[in-house]
Amino acid sequence: MADRKVLHVGRPNIGNRERFLERVEGMLDRRWLTNDGPLVQELEQRLAAFLGVRHVVAMCNATVGMEVALRSLGATGEVIVPSFTFVATAHVPHWLGLTPVFAEVGAETHTLDPESVERAITPRTSAIVGVHLWGRACDVDALADIARRHNLELMFDAAHAFGCTHRGTKVGSFGDVEVFSFHATKFFNTFEGGAATTNDDELAKRMRLMRNFGFAGYDTIVAEGTNAKMPEVSAAMGLTNLESVDEFIAANRRHWEQYNARLSAMPGLHVVQYDPAETNNYQYVVVEVDARVSRDALVEKLWSEGVLARRYFMPGAHRAEPYRSLASVSLPVTERLCERVMVLPNGTDLTGEDVERVCALIETELR
């Protein structure tokens, strides 16, 4: 195995290197490395046009972006979140001194179950945070109706959903605010980074103040804040990768379709499907492994062969610390998914031969 290519989930995509280096040279010539530089401003404008939203507020990363967004919404008390998500979704309210309340997800959708959300609401609830998992949007309309009826703020963690649509509209303009991740493992990356998107002028203004220590001018401080600014070099990467987004998605989709054709015929496996009526970035090749097959043994075998498949989202945020010690909650659908879901490598670093190699390994293990 020493000379065999190691295959990763989320290995970074890299756009045109010459264009990136040109932008870096310009940045160095200007000696403007951070503090809302011209590259960040250009990236925000181009992202707003791409996503069809009024405001894009670039951030140093999505976790801090969610903290800024949730604080700007004025959330207090309890915030309803799914447990079947990356733990940062729960960490954000907890870090802000709020209480994350875990709701169930749908067995088929893997996203927040609106009925579970409704049951979780108490007089202390101030906000709902939905997650567009695998790029598949939440039940946006049902969650918006719940938020409206109970006078709650509605935020979406859109870390997986850049370039994806819900009923033909690109993710980014739903709820009060949506937050994207541009981490290196995302198919569109800015090295590290993220962005909050909204059509609310006042909310955008508050988030811009908060991401820069509350400064409204050179030496005018009008609010509390933190340092959530995206540096120029990250924006340079973002602008470069935005020019290659279609290429990245085409590669992801080509590999996903190859995986789907091979794996769907194998007993004990279910490949999570994408709605052909919607646009998806196809970054995530998600497989549910039947209870009759050991998902963990399958992942262990793949790792031994240099295929670094991932078990998302073990063990489930509600069963991880500190949340396991704070409250006991039963989420049988979430727990079942945590025991069955496996995500396979994808991205521009892969070839068709690599995908066939992964499928052949899985087929051998299932015999």
Protein backbone atom coordinates (compact mmCIF):
# COMPACT_ATOMS: atom_id res chain seq x y z
CA MET A 1 0.00 0.00 0.00
CA ALA A 2 3.01 2.29 0.41
CA ASP A 3 2.88 3.43 -3.22
CA ARG A 4 -0.91 3.50 -3.41
CA LYS A 5 -2.70 6.83 -3.66
CA VAL A 6 -4.49 7.76 -0.44
CA LEU A 7 -8.04 8.96 -1.09
CA HIS A 8 -9.54 11.59 1.18
CA VAL A 9 -13.02 12.89 1.92
CA GLY A 10 -12.82 16.64 1.34
CA ARG A 11 -9.36 16.93 -0.19
CA PRO A 12 -9.13 20.59 -1.27
CA ASN A 13 -10.07 21.64 -4.77
CA ILE A 14 -7.70 24.22 -6.24
CA GLY A 15 -8.57 26.52 -9.11
CA ASN A 16 -6.23 28.18 -11.61
CA ARG A 17 -2.91 28.65 -9.82
CA GLU A 18 -1.72 31.42 -12.10
CA ARG A 19 -4.85 33.50 -11.43
CA PHE A 20 -4.47 32.91 -7.70
CA LEU A 21 -0.81 33.94 -7.71
CA GLU A 22 -1.64 37.05 -9.75
CA ARG A 23 -4.12 38.08 -7.08
CA VAL A 24 -1.59 37.38 -4.32
CA GLU A 25 1.03 39.49 -6.13
CA GLY A 26 -1.44 42.37 -6.32
CA MET A 27 -2.24 41.97 -2.64
CA LEU A 28 1.45 42.10 -1.74
CA ASP A 29 2.04 45.11 -3.97
CA ARG A 30 -0.82 46.96 -2.24
CA ARG A 31 0.41 45.80 1.20
CA TRP A 32 -3.25 45.44 2.16
CA LEU A 33 -3.50 42.04 3.80
CA THR A 34 -6.71 42.24 5.85
CA ASN A 35 -9.29 44.73 7.24
CA ASP A 36 -11.93 44.63 4.50
CA GLY A 37 -9.51 44.83 1.60
CA PRO A 38 -10.42 45.09 -2.09
CA LEU A 39 -10.30 41.31 -2.65
CA VAL A 40 -12.73 40.67 0.22
CA GLN A 41 -15.04 43.35 -1.10
CA GLU A 42 -14.91 41.89 -4.60
CA LEU A 43 -15.54 38.39 -3.29
CA GLU A 44 -18.59 39.58 -1.34
CA GLN A 45 -20.00 41.27 -4.43
CA ARG A 46 -19.42 38.27 -6.66
CA LEU A 47 -20.88 35.87 -4.10
CA ALA A 48 -23.96 38.07 -3.68
CA ALA A 49 -24.52 37.95 -7.45
CA PHE A 50 -23.88 34.18 -7.58
CA LEU A 51 -26.25 33.44 -4.69
CA GLY A 52 -28.88 36.04 -5.54
CA VAL A 53 -28.83 37.78 -2.14
CA ARG A 54 -28.58 41.41 -1.06
CA HIS A 55 -25.77 40.98 1.44
CA VAL A 56 -22.77 38.68 1.84
CA VAL A 57 -20.63 39.25 4.92
CA ALA A 58 -17.34 37.38 4.56
CA MET A 59 -16.01 35.78 7.74
CA CYS A 60 -12.76 34.18 8.92
CA ASN A 61 -14.60 30.86 9.23
CA ALA A 62 -18.15 29.53 9.39
CA THR A 63 -18.16 28.79 13.13
CA VAL A 64 -17.32 32.37 14.06
CA GLY A 65 -19.69 33.48 11.31
CA MET A 66 -22.52 31.57 12.98
CA GLU A 67 -21.61 33.09 16.34
CA VAL A 68 -21.73 36.58 14.85
CA ALA A 69 -25.01 35.84 13.06
CA LEU A 70 -26.74 34.30 16.08
CA ARG A 71 -25.58 37.09 18.37
CA SER A 72 -26.66 39.71 15.82
CA LEU A 73 -30.13 38.11 15.82
CA GLY A 74 -30.32 38.72 19.58
CA ALA A 75 -30.88 35.06 20.44
CA THR A 76 -31.38 34.24 24.13
CA GLY A 77 -32.22 31.20 26.25
CA GLU A 78 -32.68 28.10 24.09
CA VAL A 79 -31.83 27.45 20.45
CA ILE A 80 -33.19 24.38 18.64
CA VAL A 81 -30.62 22.50 16.56
CA PRO A 82 -30.28 19.04 15.03
CA SER A 83 -27.87 16.57 16.59
CA PHE A 84 -27.12 14.92 13.24
CA THR A 85 -24.68 17.62 12.15
CA PHE A 86 -21.09 18.67 12.64
CA VAL A 87 -20.73 19.50 16.33
CA ALA A 88 -19.96 23.17 15.59
CA THR A 89 -23.70 23.71 15.01
CA ALA A 90 -24.29 22.92 18.68
CA HIS A 91 -21.07 24.52 19.91
CA VAL A 92 -22.07 27.93 18.56
CA PRO A 93 -25.06 28.59 20.87
CA HIS A 94 -23.34 26.85 23.78
CA TRP A 95 -20.23 29.02 23.33
CA LEU A 96 -22.47 32.10 23.42
CA GLY A 97 -23.97 31.03 26.75
CA LEU A 98 -27.19 29.73 25.20
CA THR A 99 -28.70 26.26 25.52
CA PRO A 100 -28.76 24.05 22.42
CA VAL A 101 -31.90 21.91 22.40
CA PHE A 102 -31.58 18.88 20.14
CA ALA A 103 -34.41 17.96 17.79
CA GLU A 104 -34.83 14.90 15.60
CA VAL A 105 -34.16 14.64 11.88
CA GLY A 106 -36.15 12.85 9.19
CA ALA A 107 -35.09 9.29 8.40
CA GLU A 108 -35.19 10.01 4.67
CA THR A 109 -34.21 13.69 4.59
CA HIS A 110 -31.50 13.69 7.31
CA THR A 111 -32.58 17.28 8.07
CA LEU A 112 -34.61 18.80 10.91
CA ASP A 113 -38.01 17.22 11.40
CA PRO A 114 -40.47 20.14 11.75
CA GLU A 115 -42.75 18.16 14.09
CA SER A 116 -39.82 17.46 16.40
CA VAL A 117 -38.89 21.14 16.31
CA GLU A 118 -42.42 22.14 17.28
CA ARG A 119 -42.37 19.73 20.23
CA ALA A 120 -39.03 21.14 21.42
CA ILE A 121 -40.26 24.74 21.70
CA THR A 122 -40.54 26.16 25.23
CA PRO A 123 -41.07 29.69 26.57
CA ARG A 124 -37.26 30.03 26.60
CA THR A 125 -36.81 29.23 22.90
CA SER A 126 -35.57 32.15 20.82
CA ALA A 127 -34.24 30.62 17.60
CA ILE A 128 -34.13 27.62 15.29
CA VAL A 129 -30.98 26.60 13.43
CA GLY A 130 -31.60 24.24 10.52
CA VAL A 131 -28.83 22.46 8.60
CA HIS A 132 -28.95 21.92 4.83
CA LEU A 133 -27.24 18.55 5.06
CA TRP A 134 -25.42 17.09 2.06
CA GLY A 135 -26.53 20.18 0.16
CA ARG A 136 -30.17 19.10 0.44
CA ALA A 137 -32.22 21.95 1.87
CA CYS A 138 -34.24 21.66 5.06
CA ASP A 139 -38.02 21.87 4.93
CA VAL A 140 -37.57 25.62 4.69
CA ASP A 141 -41.26 26.44 4.39
CA ALA A 142 -42.35 24.39 7.40
CA LEU A 143 -39.56 25.77 9.58
CA ALA A 144 -40.35 29.33 8.48
CA ASP A 145 -44.00 28.79 9.40
CA ILE A 146 -43.04 27.49 12.84
CA ALA A 147 -40.67 30.41 13.39
CA ARG A 148 -43.34 32.90 12.35
CA ARG A 149 -46.07 31.40 14.54
CA HIS A 150 -43.81 31.28 17.62
CA ASN A 151 -41.98 34.56 16.92
CA LEU A 152 -38.58 32.85 16.65
CA GLU A 153 -35.46 33.74 14.71
CA LEU A 154 -34.57 31.31 11.92
CA MET A 155 -30.98 30.66 10.85
CA PHE A 156 -29.62 28.02 8.50
CA ASP A 157 -26.24 26.32 8.66
CA ALA A 158 -25.52 26.10 4.93
CA ALA A 159 -21.99 24.69 5.28
CA HIS A 160 -22.76 21.88 2.81
CA ALA A 161 -25.02 23.81 0.47
CA PHE A 162 -23.00 26.33 -1.53
CA GLY A 163 -24.46 26.45 -5.04
CA CYS A 164 -27.46 24.27 -4.13
CA THR A 165 -31.12 25.15 -4.61
CA HIS A 166 -34.47 24.75 -2.87
CA ARG A 167 -37.47 24.91 -5.20
CA GLY A 168 -35.20 26.46 -7.80
CA THR A 169 -33.89 29.25 -5.54
CA LYS A 170 -30.29 29.14 -4.47
CA VAL A 171 -29.63 28.54 -0.79
CA GLY A 172 -28.52 31.80 0.82
CA SER A 173 -31.69 33.85 1.07
CA PHE A 174 -33.78 31.66 3.36
CA GLY A 175 -34.66 32.44 6.98
CA ASP A 176 -33.21 35.52 8.63
CA VAL A 177 -29.63 34.54 7.80
CA GLU A 178 -27.69 31.63 6.34
CA VAL A 179 -24.04 30.80 7.00
CA PHE A 180 -21.72 29.05 4.54
CA SER A 181 -18.43 27.32 5.23
CA PHE A 182 -15.50 27.86 2.88
CA HIS A 183 -13.16 25.61 4.84
CA ALA A 184 -10.49 23.78 2.85
CA THR A 185 -12.56 20.56 2.96
CA LYS A 186 -15.56 22.18 1.26
CA PHE A 187 -15.77 21.85 -2.52
CA PHE A 188 -15.59 25.66 -2.77
CA ASN A 189 -12.94 26.89 -0.38
CA THR A 190 -11.07 30.03 0.63
CA PHE A 191 -8.43 28.05 2.59
CA GLU A 192 -10.30 28.94 5.80
CA GLY A 193 -13.38 31.12 5.65
CA GLY A 194 -17.10 31.47 5.53
CA ALA A 195 -19.87 33.96 4.91
CA ALA A 196 -23.18 35.04 6.35
CA THR A 197 -25.88 35.90 3.81
CA THR A 198 -29.09 37.85 4.31
CA ASN A 199 -31.61 40.12 2.62
CA ASP A 200 -32.06 42.10 5.85
CA ASP A 201 -30.21 45.43 5.59
CA GLU A 202 -30.12 46.08 9.34
CA LEU A 203 -28.96 42.57 10.19
CA ALA A 204 -26.15 42.85 7.64
CA LYS A 205 -25.11 46.15 9.18
CA ARG A 206 -25.00 44.62 12.66
CA MET A 207 -22.95 41.66 11.45
CA ARG A 208 -20.43 43.93 9.70
CA LEU A 209 -19.99 45.93 12.89
CA MET A 210 -19.65 42.84 15.03
CA ARG A 211 -17.06 41.14 12.80
CA ASN A 212 -14.75 44.16 13.24
CA PHE A 213 -14.82 44.90 16.99
CA GLY A 214 -17.84 47.21 16.61
CA PHE A 215 -15.95 49.85 14.61
CA ALA A 216 -18.16 52.10 12.46
CA GLY A 217 -15.20 54.15 11.25
CA TYR A 218 -11.49 54.63 11.71
CA ASP A 219 -11.76 55.29 15.45
CA THR A 220 -15.50 55.21 16.08
CA ILE A 221 -16.71 52.29 18.17
CA VAL A 222 -20.50 51.96 18.30
CA ALA A 223 -21.06 48.37 19.44
CA GLU A 224 -19.38 45.35 20.94
CA GLY A 225 -17.72 42.98 18.53
CA THR A 226 -15.03 40.46 17.79
CA ASN A 227 -12.50 39.77 15.06
CA ALA A 228 -14.23 37.69 12.39
CA LYS A 229 -12.63 39.30 9.34
CA MET A 230 -11.55 37.29 6.31
CA PRO A 231 -7.95 38.02 5.22
CA GLU A 232 -7.17 39.06 1.66
CA VAL A 233 -5.30 35.86 0.78
CA SER A 234 -8.41 33.83 1.57
CA ALA A 235 -10.47 36.10 -0.65
CA ALA A 236 -7.89 35.61 -3.42
CA MET A 237 -8.42 31.86 -3.17
CA GLY A 238 -12.19 32.33 -3.11
CA LEU A 239 -12.25 34.51 -6.21
CA THR A 240 -10.04 32.02 -8.03
CA ASN A 241 -12.11 29.00 -7.02
CA LEU A 242 -15.37 30.76 -7.85
CA GLU A 243 -14.15 30.88 -11.45
CA SER A 244 -13.85 27.06 -11.37
CA VAL A 245 -17.06 26.18 -9.50
CA ASP A 246 -18.73 24.63 -12.54
CA GLU A 247 -15.65 22.46 -13.14
CA PHE A 248 -15.63 21.33 -9.49
CA ILE A 249 -19.33 20.45 -9.55
CA ALA A 250 -19.00 18.57 -12.85
CA ALA A 251 -16.21 16.41 -11.39
CA ASN A 252 -18.20 15.75 -8.21
CA ARG A 253 -21.30 14.79 -10.16
CA ARG A 254 -19.39 12.52 -12.54
CA HIS A 255 -17.88 10.62 -9.62
CA TRP A 256 -21.18 10.53 -7.70
CA GLU A 257 -22.97 9.03 -10.68
CA GLN A 258 -20.25 6.38 -11.03
CA TYR A 259 -20.48 5.53 -7.33
CA ASN A 260 -24.29 5.44 -7.51
CA ALA A 261 -24.33 3.08 -10.50
CA ARG A 262 -21.95 0.62 -8.83
CA LEU A 263 -23.00 0.79 -5.20
CA SER A 264 -26.78 0.88 -5.64
CA ALA A 265 -26.63 -2.66 -7.00
CA MET A 266 -24.86 -3.96 -3.89
CA PRO A 267 -27.01 -5.52 -1.13
CA GLY A 268 -26.85 -3.82 2.23
CA LEU A 269 -26.12 -0.34 0.86
CA HIS A 270 -28.30 2.67 0.13
CA VAL A 271 -26.77 5.63 -1.69
CA VAL A 272 -28.39 8.90 -0.57
CA GLN A 273 -30.01 10.44 -3.65
CA TYR A 274 -30.28 14.03 -4.85
CA ASP A 275 -33.45 15.56 -6.27
CA PRO A 276 -32.91 15.89 -10.04
CA ALA A 277 -35.21 18.94 -10.01
CA GLU A 278 -32.75 20.79 -7.76
CA THR A 279 -29.15 21.90 -8.22
CA ASN A 280 -26.66 20.20 -5.93
CA ASN A 281 -22.88 20.44 -5.65
CA TYR A 282 -22.59 16.62 -5.36
CA GLN A 283 -19.68 16.94 -2.95
CA TYR A 284 -21.00 14.26 -0.61
CA VAL A 285 -21.20 10.61 -1.60
CA VAL A 286 -23.31 9.40 1.31
CA VAL A 287 -24.03 5.73 1.86
CA GLU A 288 -26.29 4.22 4.50
CA VAL A 289 -25.02 0.78 5.45
CA ASP A 290 -27.72 -1.72 6.35
CA ALA A 291 -27.81 -2.97 9.94
CA ARG A 292 -26.94 -6.48 8.70
CA VAL A 293 -23.54 -5.16 7.59
CA SER A 294 -20.95 -3.64 9.94
CA ARG A 295 -20.42 -0.07 8.81
CA ASP A 296 -17.45 0.28 11.15
CA ALA A 297 -15.79 -2.88 9.82
CA LEU A 298 -16.32 -1.62 6.28
CA VAL A 299 -14.74 1.75 7.10
CA GLU A 300 -11.85 0.03 8.86
CA LYS A 301 -11.20 -2.11 5.77
CA LEU A 302 -11.26 0.92 3.49
CA TRP A 303 -8.81 2.79 5.75
CA SER A 304 -6.45 -0.19 5.67
CA GLU A 305 -6.43 0.18 1.88
CA GLY A 306 -5.82 3.93 1.89
CA VAL A 307 -9.43 4.98 1.35
CA LEU A 308 -10.20 7.36 4.22
CA ALA A 309 -13.99 7.07 4.34
CA ARG A 310 -15.70 8.96 7.16
CA ARG A 311 -18.40 8.08 9.68
CA TYR A 312 -20.64 11.17 9.80
CA PHE A 313 -21.56 12.39 12.46
CA MET A 314 -20.36 10.01 15.15
CA PRO A 315 -21.47 9.83 17.90
CA GLY A 316 -24.14 12.50 17.38
CA ALA A 317 -23.78 15.89 19.05
CA HIS A 318 -26.24 15.00 21.82
CA ARG A 319 -24.05 12.04 22.82
CA ALA A 320 -20.80 14.06 22.78
CA GLU A 321 -19.49 16.21 25.58
CA PRO A 322 -20.43 18.55 27.05
CA TYR A 323 -23.99 17.87 25.89
CA ARG A 324 -24.20 14.24 27.03
CA SER A 325 -23.60 15.36 30.61
CA LEU A 326 -25.96 18.33 30.44
CA ALA A 327 -29.17 16.62 29.38
CA SER A 328 -30.46 13.22 28.37
CA VAL A 329 -32.40 13.11 25.11
CA SER A 330 -33.56 10.20 22.97
CA LEU A 331 -33.12 10.69 19.21
CA PRO A 332 -33.52 7.21 17.69
CA VAL A 333 -33.40 8.33 14.03
CA THR A 334 -30.26 10.37 14.62
CA GLU A 335 -28.61 7.52 16.54
CA ARG A 336 -29.46 5.02 13.81
CA LEU A 337 -27.99 7.30 11.13
CA CYS A 338 -24.83 7.85 13.18
CA GLU A 339 -24.35 4.08 13.20
CA ARG A 340 -25.02 3.58 9.48
CA VAL A 341 -23.80 6.59 7.48
CA MET A 342 -20.52 6.44 5.58
CA VAL A 343 -19.14 9.21 3.33
CA LEU A 344 -16.77 8.32 0.49
CA PRO A 345 -14.01 10.35 -1.19
CA ASN A 346 -14.92 12.80 -3.95
CA GLY A 347 -13.46 15.87 -5.65
CA THR A 348 -11.19 16.93 -8.48
CA ASP A 349 -8.27 14.93 -7.08
CA LEU A 350 -10.15 11.69 -7.86
CA THR A 351 -10.23 9.80 -11.13
CA GLY A 352 -12.71 7.29 -12.47
CA GLU A 353 -10.15 4.60 -11.68
CA ASP A 354 -10.04 5.77 -8.07
CA VAL A 355 -13.83 5.50 -7.78
CA GLU A 356 -13.76 2.00 -9.27
CA ARG A 357 -11.08 1.01 -6.77
CA VAL A 358 -13.25 2.17 -3.85
CA CYS A 359 -16.32 0.36 -5.20
CA ALA A 360 -14.34 -2.85 -5.79
CA LEU A 361 -13.04 -2.80 -2.20
CA ILE A 362 -16.57 -2.36 -0.84
CA GLU A 363 -17.91 -5.12 -3.09
CA THR A 364 -15.20 -7.51 -1.91
CA GLU A 365 -15.91 -6.73 1.74
CA LEU A 366 -19.66 -7.29 1.30
CA ARG A 367 -19.25 -10.80 -0.17
